Amino acid sequence: MRGMPRRRTAQRRRFTALLPGIAALALVGTALSSGVALPAAAAATAAPVTKVLTIVEENHSLTQMQAGMPYLLGLATRFAYATGYTAVTHPSEPNYLAIAGGSTFGDTADHNPAYQVSGHSVFGQAVGAGRTAAVYAESMISPCQHANSTRYAARHNPWTSFRDESALCTAGDHPMGTTVAGALIAAVKAGTLPDAGMLVPNLCNDAHDCAIGTADAWLKAWLPKIMAGPDFVSGRLAVVVTADEDDHHDGNKVLTVVLNQRLDGRHLVVTSPLSHYSLTGFYDAVLGTPMIRSAATSPSFRQAFGLG
């Protein structure tokens, strides 16, 4: 019994030594659950996000997506989602340009072939900065296809609109393939998803021509594979699922979900106002490139989700 007080003293010392680490973990949890950017010391313990992969659904509002996409909503409540995120206009095509380029470029309609603009996109910015970029479009027949075919809509593939990046688009804008074979699943398995990426489901799987449940089932087929890949498991990949626009009945609010390892289990709900231009800014923040066009004056997506 003589040794008991000495052992208890040693245990207390060891516990006291652990207190700073316990406090740091508590700080991380508090910051992420409130949507506040983490202090530098706490953020340094988490893997940095170096890759962004956006998936765009079609023409459904925040409330419609919450009600009709149970798989996506389950991921949203497990990871993080925004309730104050809005598209920037109607119809579809200018919203895709807004995400990829930080502007609608005066586009006010859907076009076939795709509307043409001058200047750079976030994909071109990535390549110019020595990083990688790729778009994977479902049902597209040839790389960087400018015109519609079957269930592929060129207006939903924004890189095809940037005429100054035509060669880059031809090199990096790929037919998607399937969950079994093709460009996307190969990159997922190899851990070579791009630094600036986008997935373009076809007109059925994005809920444009088919039921919203079909889009949810498509995500349920793809997202587990992406989340099992080395890019996501390492923490370096953030996956953003959003919609181009609502159905004109909800103030253009759309459900926007963010998946990343450091958000897993955080149940984060971001209520601050964000938009497609904020998503453009997220690409630029992750790439380390200048904030392009309206991204420069839009609320920070990265800060809102604590991914700084």
C-alpha atoms as a PDB file:
ATOM      1  CA  MET A   1       0.000   0.000   0.000  1.00  0.00           C
ATOM      2  CA  ARG A   2       2.955   2.330   0.503  1.00  0.00           C
ATOM      3  CA  GLY A   3       3.357   2.664  -3.257  1.00  0.00           C
ATOM      4  CA  MET A   4      -0.240   3.772  -3.933  1.00  0.00           C
ATOM      5  CA  PRO A   5       0.137   7.559  -3.329  1.00  0.00           C
ATOM      6  CA  ARG A   6       3.245   7.609  -5.511  1.00  0.00           C
ATOM      7  CA  ARG A   7       1.441   5.781  -8.354  1.00  0.00           C
ATOM      8  CA  ARG A   8      -1.555   8.123  -8.091  1.00  0.00           C
ATOM      9  CA  THR A   9       0.731  11.131  -8.279  1.00  0.00           C
ATOM     10  CA  ALA A  10       2.348   9.733 -11.423  1.00  0.00           C
ATOM     11  CA  GLN A  11      -1.071   9.088 -12.976  1.00  0.00           C
ATOM     12  CA  ARG A  12      -2.165  12.650 -12.236  1.00  0.00           C
ATOM     13  CA  ARG A  13       0.995  13.974 -13.883  1.00  0.00           C
ATOM     14  CA  ARG A  14       0.379  11.899 -17.004  1.00  0.00           C
ATOM     15  CA  PHE A  15      -3.252  13.082 -17.179  1.00  0.00           C
ATOM     16  CA  THR A  16      -2.167  16.706 -16.745  1.00  0.00           C
ATOM     17  CA  ALA A  17       0.285  16.288 -19.611  1.00  0.00           C
ATOM     18  CA  LEU A  18      -2.558  15.122 -21.854  1.00  0.00           C
ATOM     19  CA  LEU A  19      -4.811  18.096 -21.107  1.00  0.00           C
ATOM     20  CA  PRO A  20      -3.465  20.397 -23.891  1.00  0.00           C
ATOM     21  CA  GLY A  21      -4.162  17.733 -26.510  1.00  0.00           C
ATOM     22  CA  ILE A  22      -7.652  17.092 -25.147  1.00  0.00           C
ATOM     23  CA  ALA A  23      -8.349  20.829 -25.199  1.00  0.00           C
ATOM     24  CA  ALA A  24      -7.120  21.080 -28.779  1.00  0.00           C
ATOM     25  CA  LEU A  25      -9.464  18.278 -29.887  1.00  0.00           C
ATOM     26  CA  ALA A  26     -12.363  20.002 -28.168  1.00  0.00           C
ATOM     27  CA  LEU A  27     -11.476  23.216 -29.986  1.00  0.00           C
ATOM     28  CA  VAL A  28     -11.516  21.424 -33.327  1.00  0.00           C
ATOM     29  CA  GLY A  29     -14.959  19.936 -32.629  1.00  0.00           C
ATOM     30  CA  THR A  30     -16.403  23.261 -31.479  1.00  0.00           C
ATOM     31  CA  ALA A  31     -15.052  25.154 -34.467  1.00  0.00           C
ATOM     32  CA  LEU A  32     -16.297  22.662 -37.042  1.00  0.00           C
ATOM     33  CA  SER A  33     -19.757  22.349 -35.512  1.00  0.00           C
ATOM     34  CA  SER A  34     -20.218  26.114 -35.536  1.00  0.00           C
ATOM     35  CA  GLY A  35     -18.880  26.677 -39.063  1.00  0.00           C
ATOM     36  CA  VAL A  36     -16.027  28.879 -37.810  1.00  0.00           C
ATOM     37  CA  ALA A  37     -12.573  28.547 -39.371  1.00  0.00           C
ATOM     38  CA  LEU A  38     -10.140  26.678 -37.146  1.00  0.00           C
ATOM     39  CA  PRO A  39      -7.206  28.479 -35.488  1.00  0.00           C
ATOM     40  CA  ALA A  40      -3.939  27.764 -37.270  1.00  0.00           C
ATOM     41  CA  ALA A  41      -2.571  25.492 -34.519  1.00  0.00           C
ATOM     42  CA  ALA A  42      -5.649  23.248 -34.555  1.00  0.00           C
ATOM     43  CA  ALA A  43      -6.025  23.252 -38.344  1.00  0.00           C
ATOM     44  CA  ALA A  44      -2.404  22.130 -38.694  1.00  0.00           C
ATOM     45  CA  THR A  45      -3.365  18.743 -37.207  1.00  0.00           C
ATOM     46  CA  ALA A  46      -5.836  18.024 -40.041  1.00  0.00           C
ATOM     47  CA  ALA A  47      -4.920  16.931 -43.560  1.00  0.00           C
ATOM     48  CA  PRO A  48      -5.128  19.916 -45.934  1.00  0.00           C
ATOM     49  CA  VAL A  49      -7.631  19.884 -48.774  1.00  0.00           C
ATOM     50  CA  THR A  50      -5.763  20.004 -52.072  1.00  0.00           C
ATOM     51  CA  LYS A  51      -8.487  18.744 -54.445  1.00  0.00           C
ATOM     52  CA  VAL A  52     -12.079  19.799 -55.156  1.00  0.00           C
ATOM     53  CA  LEU A  53     -14.557  17.601 -57.037  1.00  0.00           C
ATOM     54  CA  THR A  54     -17.991  19.122 -57.727  1.00  0.00           C
ATOM     55  CA  ILE A  55     -21.082  17.181 -58.790  1.00  0.00           C
ATOM     56  CA  VAL A  56     -23.977  19.261 -60.156  1.00  0.00           C
ATOM     57  CA  GLU A  57     -27.594  18.107 -60.073  1.00  0.00           C
ATOM     58  CA  GLU A  58     -30.385  19.810 -62.014  1.00  0.00           C
ATOM     59  CA  ASN A  59     -33.348  22.075 -61.363  1.00  0.00           C
ATOM     60  CA  HIS A  60     -34.332  21.145 -57.809  1.00  0.00           C
ATOM     61  CA  SER A  61     -34.554  23.328 -54.727  1.00  0.00           C
ATOM     62  CA  LEU A  62     -33.161  22.902 -51.239  1.00  0.00           C
ATOM     63  CA  THR A  63     -36.467  21.574 -49.925  1.00  0.00           C
ATOM     64  CA  GLN A  64     -37.015  19.265 -52.899  1.00  0.00           C
ATOM     65  CA  MET A  65     -33.545  17.769 -52.560  1.00  0.00           C
ATOM     66  CA  GLN A  66     -33.962  17.311 -48.811  1.00  0.00           C
ATOM     67  CA  ALA A  67     -37.284  15.543 -49.341  1.00  0.00           C
ATOM     68  CA  GLY A  68     -36.448  13.510 -52.448  1.00  0.00           C
ATOM     69  CA  MET A  69     -32.797  12.492 -52.028  1.00  0.00           C
ATOM     70  CA  PRO A  70     -32.558  10.439 -48.818  1.00  0.00           C
ATOM     71  CA  TYR A  71     -29.098   9.052 -49.583  1.00  0.00           C
ATOM     72  CA  LEU A  72     -27.634  12.496 -50.201  1.00  0.00           C
ATOM     73  CA  LEU A  73     -29.432  13.922 -47.175  1.00  0.00           C
ATOM     74  CA  GLY A  74     -27.955  11.163 -45.016  1.00  0.00           C
ATOM     75  CA  LEU A  75     -24.470  12.171 -46.123  1.00  0.00           C
ATOM     76  CA  ALA A  76     -25.347  15.831 -45.614  1.00  0.00           C
ATOM     77  CA  THR A  77     -26.323  15.297 -41.993  1.00  0.00           C
ATOM     78  CA  ARG A  78     -23.295  13.075 -41.376  1.00  0.00           C
ATOM     79  CA  PHE A  79     -20.793  15.496 -42.926  1.00  0.00           C
ATOM     80  CA  ALA A  80     -21.842  19.084 -43.730  1.00  0.00           C
ATOM     81  CA  TYR A  81     -24.337  21.044 -45.774  1.00  0.00           C
ATOM     82  CA  ALA A  82     -25.492  24.602 -46.411  1.00  0.00           C
ATOM     83  CA  THR A  83     -29.032  25.924 -46.054  1.00  0.00           C
ATOM     84  CA  GLY A  84     -28.313  29.441 -47.336  1.00  0.00           C
ATOM     85  CA  TYR A  85     -26.614  28.531 -50.622  1.00  0.00           C
ATOM     86  CA  THR A  86     -28.157  29.961 -53.793  1.00  0.00           C
ATOM     87  CA  ALA A  87     -27.641  29.616 -57.507  1.00  0.00           C
ATOM     88  CA  VAL A  88     -27.029  32.936 -59.238  1.00  0.00           C
ATOM     89  CA  THR A  89     -29.621  33.009 -62.042  1.00  0.00           C
ATOM     90  CA  HIS A  90     -31.815  30.973 -64.401  1.00  0.00           C
ATOM     91  CA  PRO A  91     -31.584  28.902 -66.598  1.00  0.00           C
ATOM     92  CA  SER A  92     -28.936  26.174 -66.315  1.00  0.00           C
ATOM     93  CA  GLU A  93     -25.998  27.139 -68.506  1.00  0.00           C
ATOM     94  CA  PRO A  94     -25.058  30.483 -66.898  1.00  0.00           C
ATOM     95  CA  ASN A  95     -24.993  28.782 -63.492  1.00  0.00           C
ATOM     96  CA  TYR A  96     -22.429  26.270 -64.718  1.00  0.00           C
ATOM     97  CA  LEU A  97     -20.362  29.154 -66.081  1.00  0.00           C
ATOM     98  CA  ALA A  98     -20.701  30.879 -62.702  1.00  0.00           C
ATOM     99  CA  ILE A  99     -19.207  27.860 -60.909  1.00  0.00           C
ATOM    100  CA  ALA A 100     -16.390  27.350 -63.401  1.00  0.00           C
ATOM    101  CA  GLY A 101     -15.596  30.972 -64.156  1.00  0.00           C
ATOM    102  CA  GLY A 102     -16.978  33.255 -61.443  1.00  0.00           C
ATOM    103  CA  SER A 103     -19.310  34.979 -63.918  1.00  0.00           C
ATOM    104  CA  THR A 104     -22.278  34.301 -66.161  1.00  0.00           C
ATOM    105  CA  PHE A 105     -20.416  36.117 -68.973  1.00  0.00           C
ATOM    106  CA  GLY A 106     -23.676  37.649 -70.172  1.00  0.00           C
ATOM    107  CA  ASP A 107     -25.210  34.248 -70.880  1.00  0.00           C
ATOM    108  CA  THR A 108     -28.985  34.324 -70.337  1.00  0.00           C
ATOM    109  CA  ALA A 109     -30.096  31.111 -72.063  1.00  0.00           C
ATOM    110  CA  ASP A 110     -29.231  27.475 -72.706  1.00  0.00           C
ATOM    111  CA  HIS A 111     -27.304  26.836 -75.901  1.00  0.00           C
ATOM    112  CA  ASN A 112     -26.400  23.999 -78.220  1.00  0.00           C
ATOM    113  CA  PRO A 113     -23.522  24.063 -79.062  1.00  0.00           C
ATOM    114  CA  ALA A 114     -22.262  25.435 -75.758  1.00  0.00           C
ATOM    115  CA  TYR A 115     -22.055  29.212 -75.273  1.00  0.00           C
ATOM    116  CA  GLN A 116     -18.549  30.566 -75.952  1.00  0.00           C
ATOM    117  CA  VAL A 117     -16.653  32.990 -73.693  1.00  0.00           C
ATOM    118  CA  SER A 118     -13.143  34.428 -73.453  1.00  0.00           C
ATOM    119  CA  GLY A 119     -10.781  34.197 -70.498  1.00  0.00           C
ATOM    120  CA  HIS A 120      -9.905  31.517 -67.998  1.00  0.00           C
ATOM    121  CA  SER A 121     -11.869  29.026 -65.943  1.00  0.00           C
ATOM    122  CA  VAL A 122     -10.797  27.484 -62.628  1.00  0.00           C
ATOM    123  CA  PHE A 123      -9.732  24.470 -64.680  1.00  0.00           C
ATOM    124  CA  GLY A 124      -7.419  26.585 -66.806  1.00  0.00           C
ATOM    125  CA  GLN A 125      -6.174  28.354 -63.682  1.00  0.00           C
ATOM    126  CA  ALA A 126      -5.266  24.973 -62.207  1.00  0.00           C
ATOM    127  CA  VAL A 127      -3.225  23.916 -65.224  1.00  0.00           C
ATOM    128  CA  GLY A 128      -1.550  27.338 -65.401  1.00  0.00           C
ATOM    129  CA  ALA A 129      -0.481  26.966 -61.770  1.00  0.00           C
ATOM    130  CA  GLY A 130       1.088  23.572 -62.404  1.00  0.00           C
ATOM    131  CA  ARG A 131      -1.851  21.691 -60.896  1.00  0.00           C
ATOM    132  CA  THR A 132      -4.256  19.257 -62.545  1.00  0.00           C
ATOM    133  CA  ALA A 133      -7.788  19.677 -63.897  1.00  0.00           C
ATOM    134  CA  ALA A 134     -10.383  17.323 -65.331  1.00  0.00           C
ATOM    135  CA  VAL A 135     -14.097  17.164 -66.065  1.00  0.00           C
ATOM    136  CA  TYR A 136     -15.850  13.804 -66.384  1.00  0.00           C
ATOM    137  CA  ALA A 137     -19.084  13.947 -68.396  1.00  0.00           C
ATOM    138  CA  GLU A 138     -21.487  11.030 -68.516  1.00  0.00           C
ATOM    139  CA  SER A 139     -22.807   9.926 -71.942  1.00  0.00           C
ATOM    140  CA  MET A 140     -20.373  12.265 -73.731  1.00  0.00           C
ATOM    141  CA  ILE A 141     -18.998  10.606 -76.865  1.00  0.00           C
ATOM    142  CA  SER A 142     -15.759  12.514 -77.471  1.00  0.00           C
ATOM    143  CA  PRO A 143     -13.514  14.684 -75.269  1.00  0.00           C
ATOM    144  CA  CYS A 144     -14.677  18.295 -74.779  1.00  0.00           C
ATOM    145  CA  GLN A 145     -17.769  17.697 -76.905  1.00  0.00           C
ATOM    146  CA  HIS A 146     -19.420  21.037 -77.727  1.00  0.00           C
ATOM    147  CA  ALA A 147     -22.791  19.755 -78.981  1.00  0.00           C
ATOM    148  CA  ASN A 148     -25.525  17.672 -77.384  1.00  0.00           C
ATOM    149  CA  SER A 149     -25.898  13.954 -78.081  1.00  0.00           C
ATOM    150  CA  THR A 150     -28.306  11.405 -76.581  1.00  0.00           C
ATOM    151  CA  ARG A 151     -28.415  12.248 -72.846  1.00  0.00           C
ATOM    152  CA  TYR A 152     -25.276  14.381 -72.835  1.00  0.00           C
ATOM    153  CA  ALA A 153     -25.930  18.148 -72.598  1.00  0.00           C
ATOM    154  CA  ALA A 154     -22.998  20.350 -73.578  1.00  0.00           C
ATOM    155  CA  ARG A 155     -24.509  23.268 -71.631  1.00  0.00           C
ATOM    156  CA  HIS A 156     -23.910  21.272 -68.433  1.00  0.00           C
ATOM    157  CA  ASN A 157     -20.206  20.823 -69.222  1.00  0.00           C
ATOM    158  CA  PRO A 158     -18.783  24.315 -68.610  1.00  0.00           C
ATOM    159  CA  TRP A 159     -15.202  23.783 -69.746  1.00  0.00           C
ATOM    160  CA  THR A 160     -16.461  23.455 -73.328  1.00  0.00           C
ATOM    161  CA  SER A 161     -17.498  27.144 -73.188  1.00  0.00           C
ATOM    162  CA  PHE A 162     -14.006  28.562 -72.615  1.00  0.00           C
ATOM    163  CA  ARG A 163     -12.643  29.069 -76.110  1.00  0.00           C
ATOM    164  CA  ASP A 164      -9.207  30.211 -74.880  1.00  0.00           C
ATOM    165  CA  GLU A 165      -8.771  26.855 -73.164  1.00  0.00           C
ATOM    166  CA  SER A 166      -9.831  24.685 -76.080  1.00  0.00           C
ATOM    167  CA  ALA A 167      -6.661  22.592 -76.116  1.00  0.00           C
ATOM    168  CA  LEU A 168      -6.754  22.143 -72.334  1.00  0.00           C
ATOM    169  CA  CYS A 169     -10.392  21.084 -72.533  1.00  0.00           C
ATOM    170  CA  THR A 170      -9.644  18.528 -75.234  1.00  0.00           C
ATOM    171  CA  ALA A 171      -6.902  17.065 -73.033  1.00  0.00           C
ATOM    172  CA  GLY A 172      -8.782  17.127 -69.728  1.00  0.00           C
ATOM    173  CA  ASP A 173     -12.519  16.880 -70.435  1.00  0.00           C
ATOM    174  CA  HIS A 174     -13.270  13.156 -70.518  1.00  0.00           C
ATOM    175  CA  PRO A 175     -16.188  10.818 -71.158  1.00  0.00           C
ATOM    176  CA  MET A 176     -16.959   9.559 -67.654  1.00  0.00           C
ATOM    177  CA  GLY A 177     -17.374   5.845 -68.167  1.00  0.00           C
ATOM    178  CA  THR A 178     -19.140   3.664 -65.605  1.00  0.00           C
ATOM    179  CA  THR A 179     -18.557   2.579 -62.026  1.00  0.00           C
ATOM    180  CA  VAL A 180     -16.801  -0.471 -63.470  1.00  0.00           C
ATOM    181  CA  ALA A 181     -14.572   0.955 -66.209  1.00  0.00           C
ATOM    182  CA  GLY A 182     -13.585   4.307 -67.672  1.00  0.00           C
ATOM    183  CA  ALA A 183     -11.691   7.492 -66.942  1.00  0.00           C
ATOM    184  CA  LEU A 184     -13.385   8.410 -63.661  1.00  0.00           C
ATOM    185  CA  ILE A 185     -13.245   5.074 -61.858  1.00  0.00           C
ATOM    186  CA  ALA A 186      -9.634   4.632 -62.969  1.00  0.00           C
ATOM    187  CA  ALA A 187      -8.674   7.986 -61.425  1.00  0.00           C
ATOM    188  CA  VAL A 188     -10.634   7.196 -58.254  1.00  0.00           C
ATOM    189  CA  LYS A 189      -8.858   3.880 -57.738  1.00  0.00           C
ATOM    190  CA  ALA A 190      -5.414   5.255 -58.591  1.00  0.00           C
ATOM    191  CA  GLY A 191      -5.726   8.295 -56.341  1.00  0.00           C
ATOM    192  CA  THR A 192      -5.217  10.602 -59.316  1.00  0.00           C
ATOM    193  CA  LEU A 193      -8.397  12.665 -59.233  1.00  0.00           C
ATOM    194  CA  PRO A 194      -7.666  16.225 -60.369  1.00  0.00           C
ATOM    195  CA  ASP A 195      -6.980  19.228 -58.164  1.00  0.00           C
ATOM    196  CA  ALA A 196      -9.859  21.027 -59.925  1.00  0.00           C
ATOM    197  CA  GLY A 197     -12.526  18.548 -60.965  1.00  0.00           C
ATOM    198  CA  MET A 198     -16.189  18.261 -61.880  1.00  0.00           C
ATOM    199  CA  LEU A 199     -18.578  15.371 -62.570  1.00  0.00           C
ATOM    200  CA  VAL A 200     -21.389  15.946 -65.057  1.00  0.00           C
ATOM    201  CA  PRO A 201     -24.159  13.319 -64.795  1.00  0.00           C
ATOM    202  CA  ASN A 202     -26.274  12.799 -67.892  1.00  0.00           C
ATOM    203  CA  LEU A 203     -29.767  14.255 -68.330  1.00  0.00           C
ATOM    204  CA  CYS A 204     -31.392  11.362 -66.519  1.00  0.00           C
ATOM    205  CA  ASN A 205     -28.955  10.940 -63.646  1.00  0.00           C
ATOM    206  CA  ASP A 206     -28.843  14.662 -62.852  1.00  0.00           C
ATOM    207  CA  ALA A 207     -32.664  14.715 -62.338  1.00  0.00           C
ATOM    208  CA  HIS A 208     -33.275  16.907 -65.391  1.00  0.00           C
ATOM    209  CA  ASP A 209     -35.272  14.338 -67.372  1.00  0.00           C
ATOM    210  CA  CYS A 210     -35.761  11.649 -64.727  1.00  0.00           C
ATOM    211  CA  ALA A 211     -37.022  11.563 -61.156  1.00  0.00           C
ATOM    212  CA  ILE A 212     -34.982  13.098 -58.375  1.00  0.00           C
ATOM    213  CA  GLY A 213     -34.749   9.640 -56.830  1.00  0.00           C
ATOM    214  CA  THR A 214     -32.858   8.482 -59.920  1.00  0.00           C
ATOM    215  CA  ALA A 215     -30.226  11.141 -59.263  1.00  0.00           C
ATOM    216  CA  ASP A 216     -30.019  10.032 -55.641  1.00  0.00           C
ATOM    217  CA  ALA A 217     -29.501   6.412 -56.726  1.00  0.00           C
ATOM    218  CA  TRP A 218     -26.743   7.530 -59.104  1.00  0.00           C
ATOM    219  CA  LEU A 219     -24.967   9.274 -56.238  1.00  0.00           C
ATOM    220  CA  LYS A 220     -25.406   6.166 -54.103  1.00  0.00           C
ATOM    221  CA  ALA A 221     -23.621   4.149 -56.800  1.00  0.00           C
ATOM    222  CA  TRP A 222     -20.734   6.591 -57.248  1.00  0.00           C
ATOM    223  CA  LEU A 223     -20.043   8.325 -53.945  1.00  0.00           C
ATOM    224  CA  PRO A 224     -19.090   5.234 -51.900  1.00  0.00           C
ATOM    225  CA  LYS A 225     -16.505   4.385 -54.542  1.00  0.00           C
ATOM    226  CA  ILE A 226     -15.103   7.918 -54.522  1.00  0.00           C
ATOM    227  CA  MET A 227     -15.063   7.989 -50.720  1.00  0.00           C
ATOM    228  CA  ALA A 228     -13.227   4.657 -50.620  1.00  0.00           C
ATOM    229  CA  GLY A 229     -10.495   5.952 -52.945  1.00  0.00           C
ATOM    230  CA  PRO A 230      -7.103   7.131 -51.682  1.00  0.00           C
ATOM    231  CA  ASP A 231      -7.765  10.802 -52.490  1.00  0.00           C
ATOM    232  CA  PHE A 232     -10.752  10.939 -50.150  1.00  0.00           C
ATOM    233  CA  VAL A 233      -9.379   8.590 -47.488  1.00  0.00           C
ATOM    234  CA  SER A 234      -6.234  10.720 -47.183  1.00  0.00           C
ATOM    235  CA  GLY A 235      -8.332  13.822 -46.491  1.00  0.00           C
ATOM    236  CA  ARG A 236      -6.983  15.765 -49.445  1.00  0.00           C
ATOM    237  CA  LEU A 237     -10.231  15.562 -51.472  1.00  0.00           C
ATOM    238  CA  ALA A 238     -13.362  17.615 -50.807  1.00  0.00           C
ATOM    239  CA  VAL A 239     -16.472  16.529 -52.717  1.00  0.00           C
ATOM    240  CA  VAL A 240     -19.180  19.164 -53.243  1.00  0.00           C
ATOM    241  CA  VAL A 241     -22.668  18.152 -54.382  1.00  0.00           C
ATOM    242  CA  THR A 242     -24.939  21.013 -55.405  1.00  0.00           C
ATOM    243  CA  ALA A 243     -27.579  21.886 -58.026  1.00  0.00           C
ATOM    244  CA  ASP A 244     -27.371  24.350 -60.884  1.00  0.00           C
ATOM    245  CA  GLU A 245     -30.663  26.089 -59.963  1.00  0.00           C
ATOM    246  CA  ASP A 246     -34.001  25.490 -58.283  1.00  0.00           C
ATOM    247  CA  ASP A 247     -37.383  25.116 -59.974  1.00  0.00           C
ATOM    248  CA  HIS A 248     -38.245  28.856 -59.655  1.00  0.00           C
ATOM    249  CA  HIS A 249     -40.149  28.287 -56.389  1.00  0.00           C
ATOM    250  CA  ASP A 250     -37.582  28.552 -53.574  1.00  0.00           C
ATOM    251  CA  GLY A 251     -35.595  31.734 -54.173  1.00  0.00           C
ATOM    252  CA  ASN A 252     -32.996  29.690 -56.100  1.00  0.00           C
ATOM    253  CA  LYS A 253     -31.847  27.969 -52.898  1.00  0.00           C
ATOM    254  CA  VAL A 254     -30.282  24.569 -53.515  1.00  0.00           C
ATOM    255  CA  LEU A 255     -28.933  21.882 -51.220  1.00  0.00           C
ATOM    256  CA  THR A 256     -25.137  21.982 -51.177  1.00  0.00           C
ATOM    257  CA  VAL A 257     -23.322  19.145 -49.426  1.00  0.00           C
ATOM    258  CA  VAL A 258     -19.611  18.985 -48.590  1.00  0.00           C
ATOM    259  CA  LEU A 259     -17.846  15.688 -47.939  1.00  0.00           C
ATOM    260  CA  ASN A 260     -14.338  15.545 -46.501  1.00  0.00           C
ATOM    261  CA  GLN A 261     -12.622  13.365 -43.901  1.00  0.00           C
ATOM    262  CA  ARG A 262     -12.272  16.161 -41.364  1.00  0.00           C
ATOM    263  CA  LEU A 263     -16.045  16.775 -41.571  1.00  0.00           C
ATOM    264  CA  ASP A 264     -17.030  13.133 -41.056  1.00  0.00           C
ATOM    265  CA  GLY A 265     -19.418  12.882 -38.124  1.00  0.00           C
ATOM    266  CA  ARG A 266     -19.457  16.640 -37.529  1.00  0.00           C
ATOM    267  CA  HIS A 267     -23.121  17.155 -38.541  1.00  0.00           C
ATOM    268  CA  LEU A 268     -22.260  20.691 -39.615  1.00  0.00           C
ATOM    269  CA  VAL A 269     -25.054  22.944 -40.895  1.00  0.00           C
ATOM    270  CA  VAL A 270     -23.834  26.181 -42.502  1.00  0.00           C
ATOM    271  CA  THR A 271     -26.503  28.884 -42.479  1.00  0.00           C
ATOM    272  CA  SER A 272     -24.409  31.780 -43.783  1.00  0.00           C
ATOM    273  CA  PRO A 273     -25.183  33.048 -47.321  1.00  0.00           C
ATOM    274  CA  LEU A 274     -23.134  31.365 -50.038  1.00  0.00           C
ATOM    275  CA  SER A 275     -23.489  31.080 -53.806  1.00  0.00           C
ATOM    276  CA  HIS A 276     -21.965  29.465 -56.871  1.00  0.00           C
ATOM    277  CA  TYR A 277     -19.403  32.275 -56.817  1.00  0.00           C
ATOM    278  CA  SER A 278     -18.369  31.135 -53.338  1.00  0.00           C
ATOM    279  CA  LEU A 279     -17.746  27.687 -54.813  1.00  0.00           C
ATOM    280  CA  THR A 280     -15.590  29.267 -57.524  1.00  0.00           C
ATOM    281  CA  GLY A 281     -13.635  30.900 -54.720  1.00  0.00           C
ATOM    282  CA  PHE A 282     -13.227  27.533 -52.987  1.00  0.00           C
ATOM    283  CA  TYR A 283     -11.527  26.150 -56.081  1.00  0.00           C
ATOM    284  CA  ASP A 284      -9.185  29.152 -56.148  1.00  0.00           C
ATOM    285  CA  ALA A 285      -8.457  28.950 -52.419  1.00  0.00           C
ATOM    286  CA  VAL A 286      -7.525  25.275 -52.694  1.00  0.00           C
ATOM    287  CA  LEU A 287      -5.500  25.840 -55.875  1.00  0.00           C
ATOM    288  CA  GLY A 288      -3.709  28.881 -54.464  1.00  0.00           C
ATOM    289  CA  THR A 289      -4.697  30.909 -57.519  1.00  0.00           C
ATOM    290  CA  PRO A 290      -6.124  34.470 -57.631  1.00  0.00           C
ATOM    291  CA  MET A 291      -9.837  34.752 -56.887  1.00  0.00           C
ATOM    292  CA  ILE A 292     -11.409  34.967 -60.312  1.00  0.00           C
ATOM    293  CA  ARG A 293     -14.111  37.540 -61.180  1.00  0.00           C
ATOM    294  CA  SER A 294     -17.057  37.534 -58.709  1.00  0.00           C
ATOM    295  CA  ALA A 295     -15.354  34.962 -56.493  1.00  0.00           C
ATOM    296  CA  ALA A 296     -13.190  37.804 -55.190  1.00  0.00           C
ATOM    297  CA  THR A 297     -16.143  39.531 -53.533  1.00  0.00           C
ATOM    298  CA  SER A 298     -18.188  36.510 -52.457  1.00  0.00           C
ATOM    299  CA  PRO A 299     -18.396  34.933 -48.977  1.00  0.00           C
ATOM    300  CA  SER A 300     -15.715  32.340 -48.293  1.00  0.00           C
ATOM    301  CA  PHE A 301     -16.855  28.772 -48.870  1.00  0.00           C
ATOM    302  CA  ARG A 302     -13.688  27.393 -47.311  1.00  0.00           C
ATOM    303  CA  GLN A 303     -14.103  29.416 -44.127  1.00  0.00           C
ATOM    304  CA  ALA A 304     -17.811  28.620 -43.835  1.00  0.00           C
ATOM    305  CA  PHE A 305     -17.070  24.882 -43.829  1.00  0.00           C
ATOM    306  CA  GLY A 306     -13.929  25.133 -41.699  1.00  0.00           C
ATOM    307  CA  LEU A 307     -11.694  23.733 -44.442  1.00  0.00           C
ATOM    308  CA  GLY A 308      -9.043  26.467 -44.341  1.00  0.00           C
END
